[in-house]
C-alpha atoms as a PDB file:
ATOM      1  CA  MET A   1       0.101  -0.151   0.127  1.00  0.00           C
ATOM      2  CA  TYR A   2       0.957   3.435  -0.908  1.00  0.00           C
ATOM      3  CA  PHE A   3      -0.146   6.640  -0.704  1.00  0.00           C
ATOM      4  CA  SER A   4       1.338   9.745  -2.788  1.00  0.00           C
ATOM      5  CA  LYS A   5       1.130  13.388  -1.770  1.00  0.00           C
ATOM      6  CA  VAL A   6      -1.934  13.692  -3.286  1.00  0.00           C
ATOM      7  CA  GLY A   7      -3.385  10.371  -1.422  1.00  0.00           C
ATOM      8  CA  LEU A   8      -2.277  11.189   1.838  1.00  0.00           C
ATOM      9  CA  LYS A   9      -3.754  14.514   1.552  1.00  0.00           C
ATOM     10  CA  ILE A  10      -7.191  12.993   0.749  1.00  0.00           C
ATOM     11  CA  MET A  11      -6.942  10.132   3.456  1.00  0.00           C
ATOM     12  CA  GLU A  12      -6.379  12.968   5.980  1.00  0.00           C
ATOM     13  CA  PHE A  13      -9.382  15.247   5.073  1.00  0.00           C
ATOM     14  CA  TYR A  14     -11.557  12.193   5.062  1.00  0.00           C
ATOM     15  CA  PHE A  15     -10.221  11.144   8.545  1.00  0.00           C
ATOM     16  CA  GLN A  16     -11.028  14.416  10.167  1.00  0.00           C
ATOM     17  CA  HIS A  17     -14.148  14.571   8.219  1.00  0.00           C
ATOM     18  CA  PRO A  18     -15.347  10.863   8.353  1.00  0.00           C
ATOM     19  CA  SER A  19     -18.876  11.366   7.412  1.00  0.00           C
ATOM     20  CA  SER A  20     -18.368  13.666   4.600  1.00  0.00           C
ATOM     21  CA  GLU A  21     -18.991  12.966   0.945  1.00  0.00           C
ATOM     22  CA  GLU A  22     -17.269  15.633  -1.438  1.00  0.00           C
ATOM     23  CA  TYR A  23     -17.396  16.655  -5.147  1.00  0.00           C
ATOM     24  CA  VAL A  24     -14.156  16.260  -6.505  1.00  0.00           C
ATOM     25  CA  LYS A  25     -13.779  20.240  -7.387  1.00  0.00           C
ATOM     26  CA  ASN A  26     -14.667  20.810  -3.733  1.00  0.00           C
ATOM     27  CA  LEU A  27     -12.353  18.588  -2.453  1.00  0.00           C
ATOM     28  CA  ALA A  28      -9.472  20.446  -4.390  1.00  0.00           C
ATOM     29  CA  LYS A  29     -10.401  23.903  -3.287  1.00  0.00           C
ATOM     30  CA  VAL A  30     -10.476  22.604   0.632  1.00  0.00           C
ATOM     31  CA  LEU A  31      -6.580  20.856  -0.097  1.00  0.00           C
ATOM     32  CA  LYS A  32      -5.509  23.327  -2.722  1.00  0.00           C
ATOM     33  CA  VAL A  33      -4.666  20.764  -5.423  1.00  0.00           C
ATOM     34  CA  GLY A  34      -5.338  20.809  -9.019  1.00  0.00           C
ATOM     35  CA  ALA A  35      -8.652  19.394  -9.478  1.00  0.00           C
ATOM     36  CA  GLY A  36      -6.783  16.411 -11.938  1.00  0.00           C
ATOM     37  CA  SER A  37      -4.864  15.316  -9.543  1.00  0.00           C
ATOM     38  CA  VAL A  38      -7.486  15.009  -7.219  1.00  0.00           C
ATOM     39  CA  SER A  39      -9.541  13.193  -9.712  1.00  0.00           C
ATOM     40  CA  THR A  40      -6.929  10.706 -10.643  1.00  0.00           C
ATOM     41  CA  THR A  41      -6.107  10.303  -6.779  1.00  0.00           C
ATOM     42  CA  CYS A  42      -9.857   9.337  -5.671  1.00  0.00           C
ATOM     43  CA  SER A  43     -10.490   7.159  -8.344  1.00  0.00           C
ATOM     44  CA  LEU A  44      -7.558   4.969  -7.533  1.00  0.00           C
ATOM     45  CA  LEU A  45      -8.776   5.254  -3.781  1.00  0.00           C
ATOM     46  CA  GLY A  46     -11.571   4.286  -4.700  1.00  0.00           C
ATOM     47  CA  ARG A  47     -10.830   1.284  -7.048  1.00  0.00           C
ATOM     48  CA  GLN A  48      -8.212   0.165  -4.146  1.00  0.00           C
ATOM     49  CA  GLY A  49     -11.503   0.078  -1.787  1.00  0.00           C
ATOM     50  CA  PHE A  50     -10.520   3.358   0.657  1.00  0.00           C
ATOM     51  CA  LEU A  51     -13.366   5.521  -0.780  1.00  0.00           C
ATOM     52  CA  LEU A  52     -16.743   4.688  -1.985  1.00  0.00           C
ATOM     53  CA  ARG A  53     -17.846   6.744  -5.248  1.00  0.00           C
ATOM     54  CA  LYS A  54     -21.084   8.079  -5.794  1.00  0.00           C
ATOM     55  CA  GLU A  55     -22.351   9.760  -9.234  1.00  0.00           C
ATOM     56  CA  LYS A  56     -24.885  12.817  -8.681  1.00  0.00           C
ATOM     57  CA  SER A  57     -26.316  14.404 -11.754  1.00  0.00           C
ATOM     58  CA  ASN A  58     -22.724  13.962 -13.809  1.00  0.00           C
ATOM     59  CA  SER A  59     -20.730  14.581 -10.838  1.00  0.00           C
ATOM     60  CA  LEU A  60     -18.786  12.826  -8.624  1.00  0.00           C
ATOM     61  CA  PHE A  61     -18.898  12.748  -4.997  1.00  0.00           C
ATOM     62  CA  TYR A  62     -16.419  10.573  -2.892  1.00  0.00           C
ATOM     63  CA  SER A  63     -16.558   9.330   0.589  1.00  0.00           C
ATOM     64  CA  LEU A  64     -14.779   7.181   3.169  1.00  0.00           C
ATOM     65  CA  ASN A  65     -15.362   3.905   2.969  1.00  0.00           C
ATOM     66  CA  ASP A  66     -15.961   3.127   6.607  1.00  0.00           C
ATOM     67  CA  GLU A  67     -16.455  -0.531   6.098  1.00  0.00           C
ATOM     68  CA  ASN A  68     -13.338  -1.384   4.674  1.00  0.00           C
ATOM     69  CA  PRO A  69     -10.996  -3.255   7.938  1.00  0.00           C
ATOM     70  CA  LEU A  70      -8.482  -1.497   6.457  1.00  0.00           C
ATOM     71  CA  VAL A  71      -9.750   1.739   6.629  1.00  0.00           C
ATOM     72  CA  LYS A  72     -10.854   1.959  10.223  1.00  0.00           C
ATOM     73  CA  LYS A  73      -7.259   0.483  10.982  1.00  0.00           C
ATOM     74  CA  LEU A  74      -5.667   3.486   9.275  1.00  0.00           C
ATOM     75  CA  LYS A  75      -8.103   6.051  10.886  1.00  0.00           C
ATOM     76  CA  SER A  76      -6.801   4.508  14.418  1.00  0.00           C
ATOM     77  CA  LEU A  77      -3.098   4.890  13.292  1.00  0.00           C
ATOM     78  CA  TRP A  78      -3.920   8.205  12.430  1.00  0.00           C
ATOM     79  CA  VAL A  79      -5.160   9.415  16.020  1.00  0.00           C
ATOM     80  CA  LEU A  80      -2.647   7.311  17.404  1.00  0.00           C
ATOM     81  CA  GLU A  81      -0.189   9.622  15.431  1.00  0.00           C
ATOM     82  CA  LYS A  82      -1.732  12.859  16.710  1.00  0.00           C
ATOM     83  CA  PHE A  83      -1.857  11.443  20.236  1.00  0.00           C
ATOM     84  CA  LEU A  84       2.050  10.675  20.462  1.00  0.00           C
ATOM     85  CA  SER A  85       2.679  13.733  18.523  1.00  0.00           C
ATOM     86  CA  LEU A  86       1.441  15.438  21.341  1.00  0.00           C
ATOM     87  CA  LYS A  87       3.002  13.337  24.423  1.00  0.00           C
ATOM     88  CA  LYS A  88       5.032  15.496  25.980  1.00  0.00           C
ATOM     89  CA  LYS A  89       2.071  17.813  26.546  1.00  0.00           C
ATOM     90  CA  TRP A  90       0.073  15.129  28.560  1.00  0.00           C
ATOM     91  CA  LEU A  91       2.636  12.832  29.496  1.00  0.00           C
ATOM     92  CA  ASP A  92       3.107  12.945  33.404  1.00  0.00           C
ATOM     93  CA  PRO A  93       5.334  10.872  35.571  1.00  0.00           C
ATOM     94  CA  ALA A  94       3.049   9.991  37.611  1.00  0.00           C
ATOM     95  CA  PHE A  95       0.903   8.111  34.618  1.00  0.00           C
ATOM     96  CA  ILE A  96       1.126   3.977  35.463  1.00  0.00           C
ATOM     97  CA  SER A  97      -0.917   3.719  31.971  1.00  0.00           C
ATOM     98  CA  VAL A  98      -2.647   6.062  29.773  1.00  0.00           C
ATOM     99  CA  ALA A  99      -4.873   3.977  26.678  1.00  0.00           C
ATOM    100  CA  LEU A 100      -6.914   5.005  24.095  1.00  0.00           C
ATOM    101  CA  PHE A 101     -10.146   3.162  23.857  1.00  0.00           C
ATOM    102  CA  GLY A 102     -13.506   3.181  22.184  1.00  0.00           C
ATOM    103  CA  SER A 103     -14.620   4.260  18.756  1.00  0.00           C
ATOM    104  CA  CYS A 104     -10.467   6.129  17.972  1.00  0.00           C
ATOM    105  CA  ALA A 105      -8.749   3.085  19.185  1.00  0.00           C
ATOM    106  CA  SER A 106     -11.430   0.457  16.551  1.00  0.00           C
ATOM    107  CA  GLY A 107     -11.163   2.997  14.115  1.00  0.00           C
ATOM    108  CA  ASN A 108     -15.132   3.654  14.287  1.00  0.00           C
ATOM    109  CA  PHE A 109     -15.035   7.342  14.935  1.00  0.00           C
ATOM    110  CA  ASP A 110     -16.907   9.720  13.028  1.00  0.00           C
ATOM    111  CA  ARG A 111     -17.570  13.789  13.316  1.00  0.00           C
ATOM    112  CA  LYS A 112     -19.401  13.555  16.881  1.00  0.00           C
ATOM    113  CA  SER A 113     -16.915  10.784  18.228  1.00  0.00           C
ATOM    114  CA  ASP A 114     -14.339  12.160  21.194  1.00  0.00           C
ATOM    115  CA  ALA A 115     -11.120  10.623  22.090  1.00  0.00           C
ATOM    116  CA  ASP A 116     -11.736   8.384  25.081  1.00  0.00           C
ATOM    117  CA  VAL A 117      -8.290   8.157  27.069  1.00  0.00           C
ATOM    118  CA  LEU A 118      -7.747   5.540  29.905  1.00  0.00           C
ATOM    119  CA  VAL A 119      -5.599   7.254  32.482  1.00  0.00           C
ATOM    120  CA  ILE A 120      -4.788   5.246  35.553  1.00  0.00           C
ATOM    121  CA  THR A 121      -2.667   7.191  38.493  1.00  0.00           C
ATOM    122  CA  ASN A 122      -2.900   8.016  41.524  1.00  0.00           C
ATOM    123  CA  LEU A 123      -3.049  11.586  40.698  1.00  0.00           C
ATOM    124  CA  PRO A 124      -6.257  13.941  41.543  1.00  0.00           C
ATOM    125  CA  ASP A 125      -8.940  13.946  38.495  1.00  0.00           C
ATOM    126  CA  SER A 126      -8.151  17.379  38.150  1.00  0.00           C
ATOM    127  CA  LEU A 127      -4.262  17.449  37.548  1.00  0.00           C
ATOM    128  CA  VAL A 128      -5.270  14.658  35.130  1.00  0.00           C
ATOM    129  CA  TYR A 129      -8.103  16.936  32.602  1.00  0.00           C
ATOM    130  CA  GLU A 130      -5.658  20.359  33.217  1.00  0.00           C
ATOM    131  CA  LYS A 131      -3.156  18.076  31.264  1.00  0.00           C
ATOM    132  CA  PHE A 132      -5.456  17.028  28.811  1.00  0.00           C
ATOM    133  CA  ARG A 133      -7.041  20.071  28.014  1.00  0.00           C
ATOM    134  CA  LYS A 134      -4.112  21.550  26.804  1.00  0.00           C
ATOM    135  CA  VAL A 135      -4.000  18.921  24.147  1.00  0.00           C
ATOM    136  CA  ASP A 136      -8.155  18.670  23.587  1.00  0.00           C
ATOM    137  CA  PHE A 137      -7.838  22.081  21.317  1.00  0.00           C
ATOM    138  CA  ARG A 138      -4.753  20.715  19.383  1.00  0.00           C
ATOM    139  CA  LEU A 139      -6.766  17.569  18.120  1.00  0.00           C
ATOM    140  CA  PRO A 140      -9.139  17.064  15.760  1.00  0.00           C
ATOM    141  CA  MET A 141     -11.640  15.672  18.350  1.00  0.00           C
ATOM    142  CA  GLY A 142     -12.096  16.328  22.374  1.00  0.00           C
ATOM    143  CA  VAL A 143     -10.957  14.627  24.231  1.00  0.00           C
ATOM    144  CA  ILE A 144     -12.425  12.857  27.629  1.00  0.00           C
ATOM    145  CA  PRO A 145      -9.863  11.311  30.361  1.00  0.00           C
ATOM    146  CA  VAL A 146     -11.230   8.997  32.393  1.00  0.00           C
ATOM    147  CA  VAL A 147      -9.241   8.302  35.434  1.00  0.00           C
ATOM    148  CA  PHE A 148      -8.964   5.707  37.664  1.00  0.00           C
ATOM    149  CA  SER A 149      -6.361   5.155  40.794  1.00  0.00           C
ATOM    150  CA  VAL A 150      -4.946   1.818  40.394  1.00  0.00           C
ATOM    151  CA  SER A 151      -6.607   0.334  43.090  1.00  0.00           C
ATOM    152  CA  LYS A 152     -10.054   1.371  41.849  1.00  0.00           C
ATOM    153  CA  TRP A 153      -8.581  -0.401  38.641  1.00  0.00           C
ATOM    154  CA  MET A 154      -7.469  -3.412  40.229  1.00  0.00           C
ATOM    155  CA  ASP A 155     -10.654  -3.339  42.022  1.00  0.00           C
ATOM    156  CA  LEU A 156     -12.708  -3.623  38.550  1.00  0.00           C
ATOM    157  CA  ALA A 157     -10.740  -5.985  36.727  1.00  0.00           C
ATOM    158  CA  LYS A 158     -11.301  -8.229  39.978  1.00  0.00           C
ATOM    159  CA  ARG A 159     -15.073  -7.659  39.236  1.00  0.00           C
ATOM    160  CA  LYS A 160     -14.367  -8.105  35.648  1.00  0.00           C
ATOM    161  CA  ASP A 161     -16.672  -5.246  35.679  1.00  0.00           C
ATOM    162  CA  ARG A 162     -18.140  -4.426  31.947  1.00  0.00           C
ATOM    163  CA  PHE A 163     -16.542  -1.423  31.138  1.00  0.00           C
ATOM    164  CA  TYR A 164     -13.071  -3.321  32.460  1.00  0.00           C
ATOM    165  CA  ILE A 165     -13.494  -5.811  29.888  1.00  0.00           C
ATOM    166  CA  GLU A 166     -14.578  -3.402  27.064  1.00  0.00           C
ATOM    167  CA  VAL A 167     -11.862  -1.342  27.572  1.00  0.00           C
ATOM    168  CA  ILE A 168      -9.594  -4.244  27.315  1.00  0.00           C
ATOM    169  CA  SER A 169     -10.912  -5.939  24.400  1.00  0.00           C
ATOM    170  CA  ASN A 170     -10.312  -2.634  22.200  1.00  0.00           C
ATOM    171  CA  HIS A 171      -7.381  -0.199  23.485  1.00  0.00           C
ATOM    172  CA  ILE A 172      -3.992   1.296  22.157  1.00  0.00           C
ATOM    173  CA  LEU A 173      -2.017   1.410  24.798  1.00  0.00           C
ATOM    174  CA  LEU A 174       0.071   5.045  24.908  1.00  0.00           C
ATOM    175  CA  GLU A 175       2.584   4.668  27.254  1.00  0.00           C
ATOM    176  CA  GLY A 176       3.102   2.706  30.876  1.00  0.00           C
ATOM    177  CA  SER A 177       2.531  -0.931  31.834  1.00  0.00           C
ATOM    178  CA  SER A 178      -0.260  -3.134  30.400  1.00  0.00           C
ATOM    179  CA  ILE A 179      -3.526  -2.018  31.397  1.00  0.00           C
ATOM    180  CA  VAL A 180      -4.902  -5.884  31.520  1.00  0.00           C
ATOM    181  CA  VAL A 181      -4.805  -6.911  35.371  1.00  0.00           C
ATOM    182  CA  GLY A 182      -4.194 -11.198  35.668  1.00  0.00           C
END
């Protein structure tokens, strides 16, 4: 799999606007790329299964193919890259584990989604929220830190709590120790 510069711009646009359906000329204008290059690249991305193509009134519209499992993986990797590029802003030595979970981890996010981040630490919640507030405005989606002390997280694991099971079954560890207990 290879993406040209135009292909990368197109995919990044659709990762930022996952529910968007765009006319080629409008997409070219937004990306500041020639309409011919956008048309050719969208056509190729469509044949490869990354984009869906729809004809309306003799015009071509493209949208992200969210049914493609590779698209979902690319979306979650895109969010992961955004978080890791801002790591110096949110990381704290008192964080034992930090994990992305939910729709951003699975690649199922849409324009209404938030990035759910599990933070296991013994710091007060307010300090954790402040750390993530510094990156919230730099990401294309809001960040929702979910904070647990070590003892509370261990208790959830021991009780096989539904939330614990959901998080460990679909997460990306961003920093620290494994969140899986036992």
